[in-house]
Amino acid sequence: MIEMKKNVTPGETPAEITISMIDQDLKDGISKSEMVIKYGIKPWEVDEMFKHPLLKGRRPSRKKSLSFKFTDDMSNDTYVSSTVVKDTSEPQFSEREEQVEVDPNQVTLEQAIDEATTAVDESIKTFNEVSETVEDILSDPEFEEEELEMSDTTFEL
């Protein structure tokens, strides 16, 4: 378990400082300047340690402690279901069990596709009806005669 950041106390320089020690310090939220105090070394020595490929670019984790005890009082049965996920990207994770939160109002992909298909079908039906109505209006013989009469008329100003 990762402990919360504590005040760093000056110590003697150990004969050997390991990457795992620095890694744990970073997980505990200890910064480079605090490592200088903790290990009793110079700042440039800390900078040299952080040139190692496993430490390069690493930052201390920022943990904030709550001023109260936070307890989960919800029933897991209501919101969590257990599913087996097949992940073939890495052999060591080929099958694993995951806890997935399920919203009771959640729509499945199949339901969403069915709703979208129904909406599209209704839109196509409406479009076809409107197209037929427009064709009927445009193919009306009265409309053609009125159009011809208008084209024979000349206007003078």
N, C-alpha and C. Protein backbone atom coordinates (compact mmCIF):
# COMPACT_ATOMS: atom_id res chain seq x y z
N MET A 1 0.83 -1.17 0.00
CA MET A 1 0.00 0.00 0.00
C MET A 1 0.88 1.25 0.00
N ILE A 2 0.47 2.26 -0.74
CA ILE A 2 1.24 3.49 -0.83
C ILE A 2 0.82 4.40 0.31
N GLU A 3 1.82 4.89 1.04
CA GLU A 3 1.53 5.76 2.17
C GLU A 3 1.46 7.21 1.71
N MET A 4 0.80 8.01 2.50
CA MET A 4 0.69 9.43 2.20
C MET A 4 2.03 10.11 2.49
N LYS A 5 2.26 11.25 1.83
CA LYS A 5 3.50 11.99 1.98
C LYS A 5 3.68 12.43 3.44
N LYS A 6 4.88 12.20 3.94
CA LYS A 6 5.21 12.60 5.31
C LYS A 6 6.33 13.61 5.23
N ASN A 7 6.55 14.33 6.31
CA ASN A 7 7.68 15.26 6.35
C ASN A 7 8.97 14.47 6.26
N VAL A 8 9.90 14.96 5.44
CA VAL A 8 11.16 14.28 5.23
C VAL A 8 12.13 14.68 6.34
N THR A 9 12.75 13.69 6.94
CA THR A 9 13.74 13.97 7.98
C THR A 9 15.12 13.72 7.41
N PRO A 10 16.07 14.59 7.75
CA PRO A 10 17.43 14.41 7.23
C PRO A 10 18.02 13.10 7.73
N GLY A 11 18.76 12.47 6.86
CA GLY A 11 19.37 11.21 7.23
C GLY A 11 20.79 11.15 6.73
N GLU A 12 21.45 10.06 7.07
CA GLU A 12 22.81 9.85 6.60
C GLU A 12 22.75 9.31 5.19
N THR A 13 23.78 9.60 4.43
CA THR A 13 23.85 9.12 3.06
C THR A 13 24.08 7.62 3.09
N PRO A 14 23.16 6.84 2.49
CA PRO A 14 23.37 5.39 2.47
C PRO A 14 24.52 5.04 1.52
N ALA A 15 25.11 3.87 1.75
CA ALA A 15 26.20 3.42 0.90
C ALA A 15 25.69 3.11 -0.50
N GLU A 16 24.42 2.72 -0.60
CA GLU A 16 23.84 2.38 -1.90
C GLU A 16 22.40 2.89 -1.95
N ILE A 17 22.08 3.59 -3.03
CA ILE A 17 20.70 4.03 -3.27
C ILE A 17 20.23 3.28 -4.52
N THR A 18 19.10 2.59 -4.39
CA THR A 18 18.61 1.78 -5.51
C THR A 18 17.46 2.48 -6.22
N ILE A 19 17.21 2.03 -7.44
CA ILE A 19 16.10 2.57 -8.22
C ILE A 19 14.78 2.30 -7.51
N SER A 20 14.67 1.13 -6.88
CA SER A 20 13.42 0.80 -6.19
C SER A 20 13.19 1.74 -5.01
N MET A 21 14.27 2.20 -4.36
CA MET A 21 14.13 3.15 -3.25
C MET A 21 13.58 4.48 -3.78
N ILE A 22 14.15 4.95 -4.89
CA ILE A 22 13.71 6.21 -5.49
C ILE A 22 12.27 6.07 -5.99
N ASP A 23 11.95 4.91 -6.59
CA ASP A 23 10.60 4.65 -7.09
C ASP A 23 9.60 4.73 -5.94
N GLN A 24 9.93 4.13 -4.81
CA GLN A 24 9.03 4.17 -3.65
C GLN A 24 8.89 5.59 -3.12
N ASP A 25 10.00 6.34 -3.12
CA ASP A 25 9.93 7.74 -2.68
C ASP A 25 8.98 8.53 -3.59
N LEU A 26 9.07 8.31 -4.90
CA LEU A 26 8.19 9.02 -5.83
C LEU A 26 6.73 8.64 -5.57
N LYS A 27 6.48 7.36 -5.33
CA LYS A 27 5.12 6.90 -5.03
C LYS A 27 4.60 7.52 -3.73
N ASP A 28 5.53 7.76 -2.79
CA ASP A 28 5.14 8.37 -1.52
C ASP A 28 5.04 9.88 -1.62
N GLY A 29 5.34 10.45 -2.81
CA GLY A 29 5.19 11.88 -3.02
C GLY A 29 6.40 12.71 -2.63
N ILE A 30 7.57 12.07 -2.50
CA ILE A 30 8.77 12.80 -2.12
C ILE A 30 9.40 13.40 -3.37
N SER A 31 9.66 14.71 -3.34
CA SER A 31 10.22 15.42 -4.50
C SER A 31 11.75 15.30 -4.50
N LYS A 32 12.36 15.77 -5.59
CA LYS A 32 13.82 15.73 -5.71
C LYS A 32 14.48 16.52 -4.59
N SER A 33 13.94 17.70 -4.31
CA SER A 33 14.54 18.53 -3.25
C SER A 33 14.42 17.85 -1.89
N GLU A 34 13.37 17.11 -1.68
CA GLU A 34 13.21 16.39 -0.41
C GLU A 34 14.12 15.17 -0.36
N MET A 35 14.43 14.59 -1.53
CA MET A 35 15.37 13.46 -1.57
C MET A 35 16.77 13.92 -1.18
N VAL A 36 17.11 15.16 -1.55
CA VAL A 36 18.41 15.73 -1.16
C VAL A 36 18.52 15.73 0.36
N ILE A 37 17.46 16.13 1.03
CA ILE A 37 17.45 16.17 2.50
C ILE A 37 17.45 14.76 3.07
N LYS A 38 16.56 13.91 2.53
CA LYS A 38 16.40 12.55 3.06
C LYS A 38 17.69 11.75 2.99
N TYR A 39 18.37 11.81 1.85
CA TYR A 39 19.57 11.00 1.65
C TYR A 39 20.86 11.75 1.97
N GLY A 40 20.75 13.04 2.28
CA GLY A 40 21.94 13.82 2.63
C GLY A 40 22.91 13.92 1.46
N ILE A 41 22.40 14.13 0.26
CA ILE A 41 23.25 14.24 -0.94
C ILE A 41 23.05 15.61 -1.58
N LYS A 42 23.85 15.88 -2.58
CA LYS A 42 23.79 17.18 -3.25
C LYS A 42 22.73 17.15 -4.37
N PRO A 43 22.13 18.29 -4.70
CA PRO A 43 21.10 18.34 -5.75
C PRO A 43 21.56 17.80 -7.10
N TRP A 44 22.83 18.04 -7.46
CA TRP A 44 23.30 17.54 -8.76
C TRP A 44 23.36 16.02 -8.77
N GLU A 45 23.56 15.40 -7.58
CA GLU A 45 23.59 13.94 -7.50
C GLU A 45 22.19 13.36 -7.74
N VAL A 46 21.19 14.05 -7.24
CA VAL A 46 19.80 13.63 -7.49
C VAL A 46 19.50 13.75 -8.99
N ASP A 47 19.95 14.86 -9.59
CA ASP A 47 19.76 15.04 -11.03
C ASP A 47 20.42 13.93 -11.82
N GLU A 48 21.59 13.49 -11.39
CA GLU A 48 22.29 12.39 -12.07
C GLU A 48 21.49 11.09 -11.95
N MET A 49 20.92 10.84 -10.76
CA MET A 49 20.11 9.62 -10.59
C MET A 49 18.92 9.63 -11.55
N PHE A 50 18.32 10.79 -11.76
CA PHE A 50 17.13 10.88 -12.60
C PHE A 50 17.45 10.85 -14.10
N LYS A 51 18.70 10.70 -14.45
CA LYS A 51 19.07 10.49 -15.85
C LYS A 51 18.93 9.02 -16.24
N HIS A 52 18.73 8.16 -15.25
CA HIS A 52 18.54 6.73 -15.53
C HIS A 52 17.23 6.56 -16.30
N PRO A 53 17.21 5.67 -17.32
CA PRO A 53 16.01 5.49 -18.16
C PRO A 53 14.72 5.18 -17.39
N LEU A 54 14.82 4.46 -16.28
CA LEU A 54 13.62 4.12 -15.52
C LEU A 54 13.11 5.28 -14.66
N LEU A 55 13.96 6.28 -14.44
CA LEU A 55 13.56 7.41 -13.61
C LEU A 55 13.37 8.69 -14.41
N LYS A 56 13.85 8.71 -15.63
CA LYS A 56 13.81 9.91 -16.45
C LYS A 56 12.36 10.37 -16.65
N GLY A 57 12.11 11.64 -16.34
CA GLY A 57 10.77 12.21 -16.54
C GLY A 57 9.78 11.89 -15.45
N ARG A 58 10.16 11.09 -14.46
CA ARG A 58 9.22 10.72 -13.38
C ARG A 58 9.01 11.89 -12.44
N ARG A 59 7.82 11.97 -11.89
CA ARG A 59 7.44 13.01 -10.94
C ARG A 59 6.84 12.34 -9.70
N PRO A 60 6.95 12.99 -8.56
CA PRO A 60 6.32 12.42 -7.37
C PRO A 60 4.80 12.45 -7.50
N SER A 61 4.16 11.43 -6.97
CA SER A 61 2.69 11.40 -7.04
C SER A 61 2.13 12.41 -6.05
N ARG A 62 1.03 12.99 -6.43
CA ARG A 62 0.37 14.00 -5.59
C ARG A 62 -0.84 13.35 -4.93
N LYS A 63 -0.75 13.14 -3.66
CA LYS A 63 -1.85 12.54 -2.94
C LYS A 63 -2.37 13.55 -1.92
N LYS A 64 -3.67 13.66 -1.85
CA LYS A 64 -4.29 14.53 -0.86
C LYS A 64 -5.13 13.65 0.06
N SER A 65 -4.98 13.87 1.34
CA SER A 65 -5.77 13.08 2.28
C SER A 65 -7.06 13.83 2.60
N LEU A 66 -8.14 13.07 2.75
CA LEU A 66 -9.43 13.65 3.09
C LEU A 66 -9.46 13.99 4.58
N SER A 67 -10.22 15.00 4.94
CA SER A 67 -10.33 15.39 6.34
C SER A 67 -11.41 14.58 7.06
N PHE A 68 -11.97 13.59 6.36
CA PHE A 68 -13.02 12.77 6.93
C PHE A 68 -12.87 11.35 6.38
N LYS A 69 -13.59 10.41 7.01
CA LYS A 69 -13.58 9.03 6.55
C LYS A 69 -14.67 8.88 5.49
N PHE A 70 -14.30 8.44 4.30
CA PHE A 70 -15.24 8.27 3.19
C PHE A 70 -15.56 6.79 3.05
N THR A 71 -16.85 6.43 3.21
CA THR A 71 -17.28 5.04 3.19
C THR A 71 -18.27 4.81 2.07
N ASP A 72 -18.11 3.70 1.36
CA ASP A 72 -19.04 3.32 0.30
C ASP A 72 -20.18 2.52 0.93
N ASP A 73 -21.37 3.10 0.94
CA ASP A 73 -22.51 2.43 1.54
C ASP A 73 -23.52 1.93 0.51
N MET A 74 -23.13 1.97 -0.76
CA MET A 74 -24.02 1.49 -1.82
C MET A 74 -23.84 -0.01 -2.00
N SER A 75 -24.91 -0.67 -2.40
CA SER A 75 -24.86 -2.10 -2.64
C SER A 75 -24.18 -2.36 -3.98
N ASN A 76 -23.17 -3.19 -3.98
CA ASN A 76 -22.47 -3.51 -5.23
C ASN A 76 -23.36 -4.28 -6.20
N ASP A 77 -24.32 -5.03 -5.69
CA ASP A 77 -25.19 -5.83 -6.56
C ASP A 77 -26.02 -4.95 -7.49
N THR A 78 -26.35 -3.75 -7.05
CA THR A 78 -27.20 -2.87 -7.84
C THR A 78 -26.48 -2.29 -9.03
N TYR A 79 -25.23 -1.91 -8.86
CA TYR A 79 -24.54 -1.15 -9.89
C TYR A 79 -23.38 -1.88 -10.56
N VAL A 80 -22.97 -3.02 -10.04
CA VAL A 80 -21.80 -3.68 -10.60
C VAL A 80 -22.16 -5.08 -11.04
N SER A 81 -21.76 -5.44 -12.24
CA SER A 81 -21.93 -6.80 -12.69
C SER A 81 -20.57 -7.33 -13.11
N SER A 82 -20.38 -8.61 -12.96
CA SER A 82 -19.10 -9.22 -13.28
C SER A 82 -19.14 -9.78 -14.69
N THR A 83 -18.13 -9.44 -15.49
CA THR A 83 -18.07 -9.94 -16.85
C THR A 83 -16.67 -10.45 -17.13
N VAL A 84 -16.57 -11.41 -18.03
CA VAL A 84 -15.27 -11.92 -18.46
C VAL A 84 -14.93 -11.22 -19.76
N VAL A 85 -13.76 -10.61 -19.80
CA VAL A 85 -13.33 -9.86 -20.97
C VAL A 85 -12.19 -10.63 -21.64
N LYS A 86 -12.31 -10.86 -22.93
CA LYS A 86 -11.24 -11.51 -23.69
C LYS A 86 -10.34 -10.42 -24.24
N ASP A 87 -9.08 -10.44 -23.84
CA ASP A 87 -8.11 -9.47 -24.33
C ASP A 87 -6.94 -10.26 -24.88
N THR A 88 -6.83 -10.30 -26.18
CA THR A 88 -5.77 -11.11 -26.79
C THR A 88 -4.56 -10.27 -27.16
N SER A 89 -4.54 -8.99 -26.77
CA SER A 89 -3.41 -8.14 -27.12
C SER A 89 -2.15 -8.58 -26.38
N GLU A 90 -2.30 -9.11 -25.17
CA GLU A 90 -1.16 -9.60 -24.42
C GLU A 90 -1.53 -10.95 -23.82
N PRO A 91 -0.67 -11.96 -24.02
CA PRO A 91 -1.03 -13.32 -23.60
C PRO A 91 -1.30 -13.47 -22.11
N GLN A 92 -0.62 -12.71 -21.24
CA GLN A 92 -0.83 -12.88 -19.82
C GLN A 92 -2.19 -12.35 -19.37
N PHE A 93 -2.87 -11.58 -20.23
CA PHE A 93 -4.18 -11.05 -19.90
C PHE A 93 -5.26 -11.65 -20.79
N SER A 94 -5.08 -12.86 -21.25
CA SER A 94 -6.01 -13.44 -22.22
C SER A 94 -7.42 -13.53 -21.66
N GLU A 95 -7.59 -13.82 -20.39
CA GLU A 95 -8.92 -13.81 -19.78
C GLU A 95 -8.79 -13.21 -18.40
N ARG A 96 -9.62 -12.26 -18.11
CA ARG A 96 -9.62 -11.67 -16.78
C ARG A 96 -11.05 -11.26 -16.44
N GLU A 97 -11.31 -11.17 -15.16
CA GLU A 97 -12.64 -10.77 -14.72
C GLU A 97 -12.59 -9.31 -14.33
N GLU A 98 -13.56 -8.54 -14.80
CA GLU A 98 -13.61 -7.10 -14.52
C GLU A 98 -14.93 -6.77 -13.85
N GLN A 99 -14.88 -5.78 -12.99
CA GLN A 99 -16.10 -5.26 -12.40
C GLN A 99 -16.52 -4.07 -13.25
N VAL A 100 -17.74 -4.11 -13.79
CA VAL A 100 -18.23 -3.06 -14.67
C VAL A 100 -19.45 -2.42 -14.04
N GLU A 101 -19.45 -1.09 -13.97
CA GLU A 101 -20.61 -0.39 -13.45
C GLU A 101 -21.69 -0.37 -14.52
N VAL A 102 -22.92 -0.68 -14.14
CA VAL A 102 -24.03 -0.71 -15.08
C VAL A 102 -25.09 0.27 -14.64
N ASP A 103 -25.40 1.23 -15.51
CA ASP A 103 -26.45 2.20 -15.25
C ASP A 103 -27.78 1.53 -15.62
N PRO A 104 -28.78 1.54 -14.73
CA PRO A 104 -30.05 0.89 -15.04
C PRO A 104 -30.74 1.49 -16.26
N ASN A 105 -30.47 2.75 -16.59
CA ASN A 105 -31.08 3.40 -17.75
C ASN A 105 -30.22 3.28 -19.00
N GLN A 106 -29.15 2.53 -18.92
CA GLN A 106 -28.23 2.41 -20.05
C GLN A 106 -28.87 1.64 -21.20
N VAL A 107 -28.62 2.09 -22.43
CA VAL A 107 -29.14 1.46 -23.63
C VAL A 107 -28.03 0.62 -24.23
N THR A 108 -28.36 -0.60 -24.65
CA THR A 108 -27.34 -1.44 -25.27
C THR A 108 -27.10 -0.98 -26.70
N LEU A 109 -26.01 -1.41 -27.27
CA LEU A 109 -25.67 -1.06 -28.64
C LEU A 109 -26.76 -1.55 -29.60
N GLU A 110 -27.25 -2.75 -29.37
CA GLU A 110 -28.30 -3.31 -30.23
C GLU A 110 -29.57 -2.46 -30.17
N GLN A 111 -29.93 -2.01 -28.96
CA GLN A 111 -31.12 -1.17 -28.82
C GLN A 111 -30.93 0.17 -29.55
N ALA A 112 -29.76 0.74 -29.43
CA ALA A 112 -29.48 2.01 -30.11
C ALA A 112 -29.54 1.85 -31.62
N ILE A 113 -29.01 0.74 -32.13
CA ILE A 113 -29.04 0.48 -33.57
C ILE A 113 -30.48 0.29 -34.04
N ASP A 114 -31.27 -0.46 -33.28
CA ASP A 114 -32.68 -0.67 -33.64
C ASP A 114 -33.44 0.66 -33.67
N GLU A 115 -33.23 1.50 -32.67
CA GLU A 115 -33.90 2.80 -32.63
C GLU A 115 -33.48 3.66 -33.82
N ALA A 116 -32.19 3.66 -34.13
CA ALA A 116 -31.70 4.46 -35.26
C ALA A 116 -32.25 3.93 -36.57
N THR A 117 -32.32 2.62 -36.73
CA THR A 117 -32.85 2.01 -37.96
C THR A 117 -34.32 2.38 -38.13
N THR A 118 -35.08 2.32 -37.06
CA THR A 118 -36.50 2.68 -37.11
C THR A 118 -36.66 4.16 -37.51
N ALA A 119 -35.86 5.03 -36.92
CA ALA A 119 -35.94 6.45 -37.25
C ALA A 119 -35.58 6.70 -38.71
N VAL A 120 -34.57 6.01 -39.22
CA VAL A 120 -34.17 6.16 -40.63
C VAL A 120 -35.27 5.65 -41.54
N ASP A 121 -35.86 4.50 -41.22
CA ASP A 121 -36.94 3.95 -42.04
C ASP A 121 -38.12 4.92 -42.10
N GLU A 122 -38.48 5.53 -40.95
CA GLU A 122 -39.57 6.50 -40.94
C GLU A 122 -39.23 7.72 -41.77
N SER A 123 -37.99 8.17 -41.71
CA SER A 123 -37.56 9.33 -42.50
C SER A 123 -37.62 9.03 -43.99
N ILE A 124 -37.21 7.84 -44.38
CA ILE A 124 -37.26 7.44 -45.80
C ILE A 124 -38.70 7.39 -46.27
N LYS A 125 -39.59 6.83 -45.44
CA LYS A 125 -41.01 6.74 -45.80
C LYS A 125 -41.59 8.14 -46.00
N THR A 126 -41.30 9.06 -45.08
CA THR A 126 -41.78 10.44 -45.18
C THR A 126 -41.23 11.12 -46.42
N PHE A 127 -39.95 10.92 -46.70
CA PHE A 127 -39.32 11.51 -47.88
C PHE A 127 -39.99 11.01 -49.16
N ASN A 128 -40.27 9.71 -49.23
CA ASN A 128 -40.92 9.15 -50.41
C ASN A 128 -42.32 9.72 -50.60
N GLU A 129 -43.07 9.87 -49.50
CA GLU A 129 -44.41 10.44 -49.59
C GLU A 129 -44.36 11.88 -50.09
N VAL A 130 -43.44 12.67 -49.59
CA VAL A 130 -43.29 14.06 -50.02
C VAL A 130 -42.87 14.11 -51.48
N SER A 131 -41.97 13.23 -51.88
CA SER A 131 -41.52 13.19 -53.28
C SER A 131 -42.68 12.87 -54.22
N GLU A 132 -43.52 11.91 -53.83
CA GLU A 132 -44.68 11.56 -54.66
C GLU A 132 -45.64 12.74 -54.76
N THR A 133 -45.86 13.45 -53.66
CA THR A 133 -46.75 14.60 -53.67
C THR A 133 -46.21 15.68 -54.60
N VAL A 134 -44.93 15.95 -54.54
CA VAL A 134 -44.31 16.96 -55.40
C VAL A 134 -44.42 16.53 -56.86
N GLU A 135 -44.19 15.27 -57.16
CA GLU A 135 -44.32 14.77 -58.54
C GLU A 135 -45.75 14.92 -59.04
N ASP A 136 -46.73 14.62 -58.16
CA ASP A 136 -48.13 14.77 -58.54
C ASP A 136 -48.45 16.22 -58.87
N ILE A 137 -47.96 17.14 -58.06
CA ILE A 137 -48.22 18.56 -58.30
C ILE A 137 -47.59 19.00 -59.61
N LEU A 138 -46.36 18.59 -59.83
CA LEU A 138 -45.64 19.01 -61.04
C LEU A 138 -46.17 18.35 -62.31
N SER A 139 -46.75 17.18 -62.19
CA SER A 139 -47.27 16.50 -63.38
C SER A 139 -48.74 16.82 -63.65
N ASP A 140 -49.36 17.69 -62.87
CA ASP A 140 -50.75 18.07 -63.04
C ASP A 140 -50.90 18.87 -64.34
N PRO A 141 -51.85 18.48 -65.24
CA PRO A 141 -52.01 19.17 -66.52
C PRO A 141 -52.38 20.65 -66.36
N GLU A 142 -53.13 21.01 -65.35
CA GLU A 142 -53.48 22.41 -65.14
C GLU A 142 -52.24 23.25 -64.91
N PHE A 143 -51.30 22.70 -64.16
CA PHE A 143 -50.07 23.41 -63.87
C PHE A 143 -49.29 23.68 -65.15
N GLU A 144 -49.25 22.70 -66.09
CA GLU A 144 -48.54 22.86 -67.35
C GLU A 144 -49.18 23.94 -68.22
N GLU A 145 -50.52 23.97 -68.29
CA GLU A 145 -51.21 24.96 -69.09
C GLU A 145 -50.97 26.36 -68.55
N GLU A 146 -51.03 26.54 -67.24
CA GLU A 146 -50.79 27.84 -66.65
C GLU A 146 -49.38 28.30 -66.95
N GLU A 147 -48.45 27.37 -66.95
CA GLU A 147 -47.06 27.70 -67.23
C GLU A 147 -46.91 28.18 -68.67
N LEU A 148 -47.61 27.50 -69.63
CA LEU A 148 -47.54 27.88 -71.04
C LEU A 148 -48.16 29.26 -71.26
N GLU A 149 -49.29 29.50 -70.64
CA GLU A 149 -49.94 30.79 -70.79
C GLU A 149 -49.06 31.91 -70.27
N MET A 150 -48.37 31.68 -69.21
CA MET A 150 -47.50 32.71 -68.66
C MET A 150 -46.33 32.98 -69.58
N SER A 151 -45.84 31.97 -70.29
CA SER A 151 -44.67 32.17 -71.15
C SER A 151 -45.05 32.92 -72.41
N ASP A 152 -46.34 32.86 -72.87
CA ASP A 152 -46.76 33.57 -74.07
C ASP A 152 -47.03 35.05 -73.79
N THR A 153 -47.23 35.39 -72.59
CA THR A 153 -47.54 36.77 -72.23
C THR A 153 -46.27 37.59 -72.23
N THR A 154 -46.33 38.75 -72.85
CA THR A 154 -45.18 39.67 -72.83
C THR A 154 -45.61 40.91 -72.06
N PHE A 155 -44.69 41.44 -71.40
CA PHE A 155 -44.98 42.62 -70.60
C PHE A 155 -44.20 43.80 -71.19
N GLU A 156 -44.86 44.94 -71.26
CA GLU A 156 -44.19 46.16 -71.72
C GLU A 156 -44.20 47.16 -70.62
N LEU A 157 -43.15 47.90 -70.60
CA LEU A 157 -43.07 48.95 -69.59
C LEU A 157 -43.21 50.29 -70.20
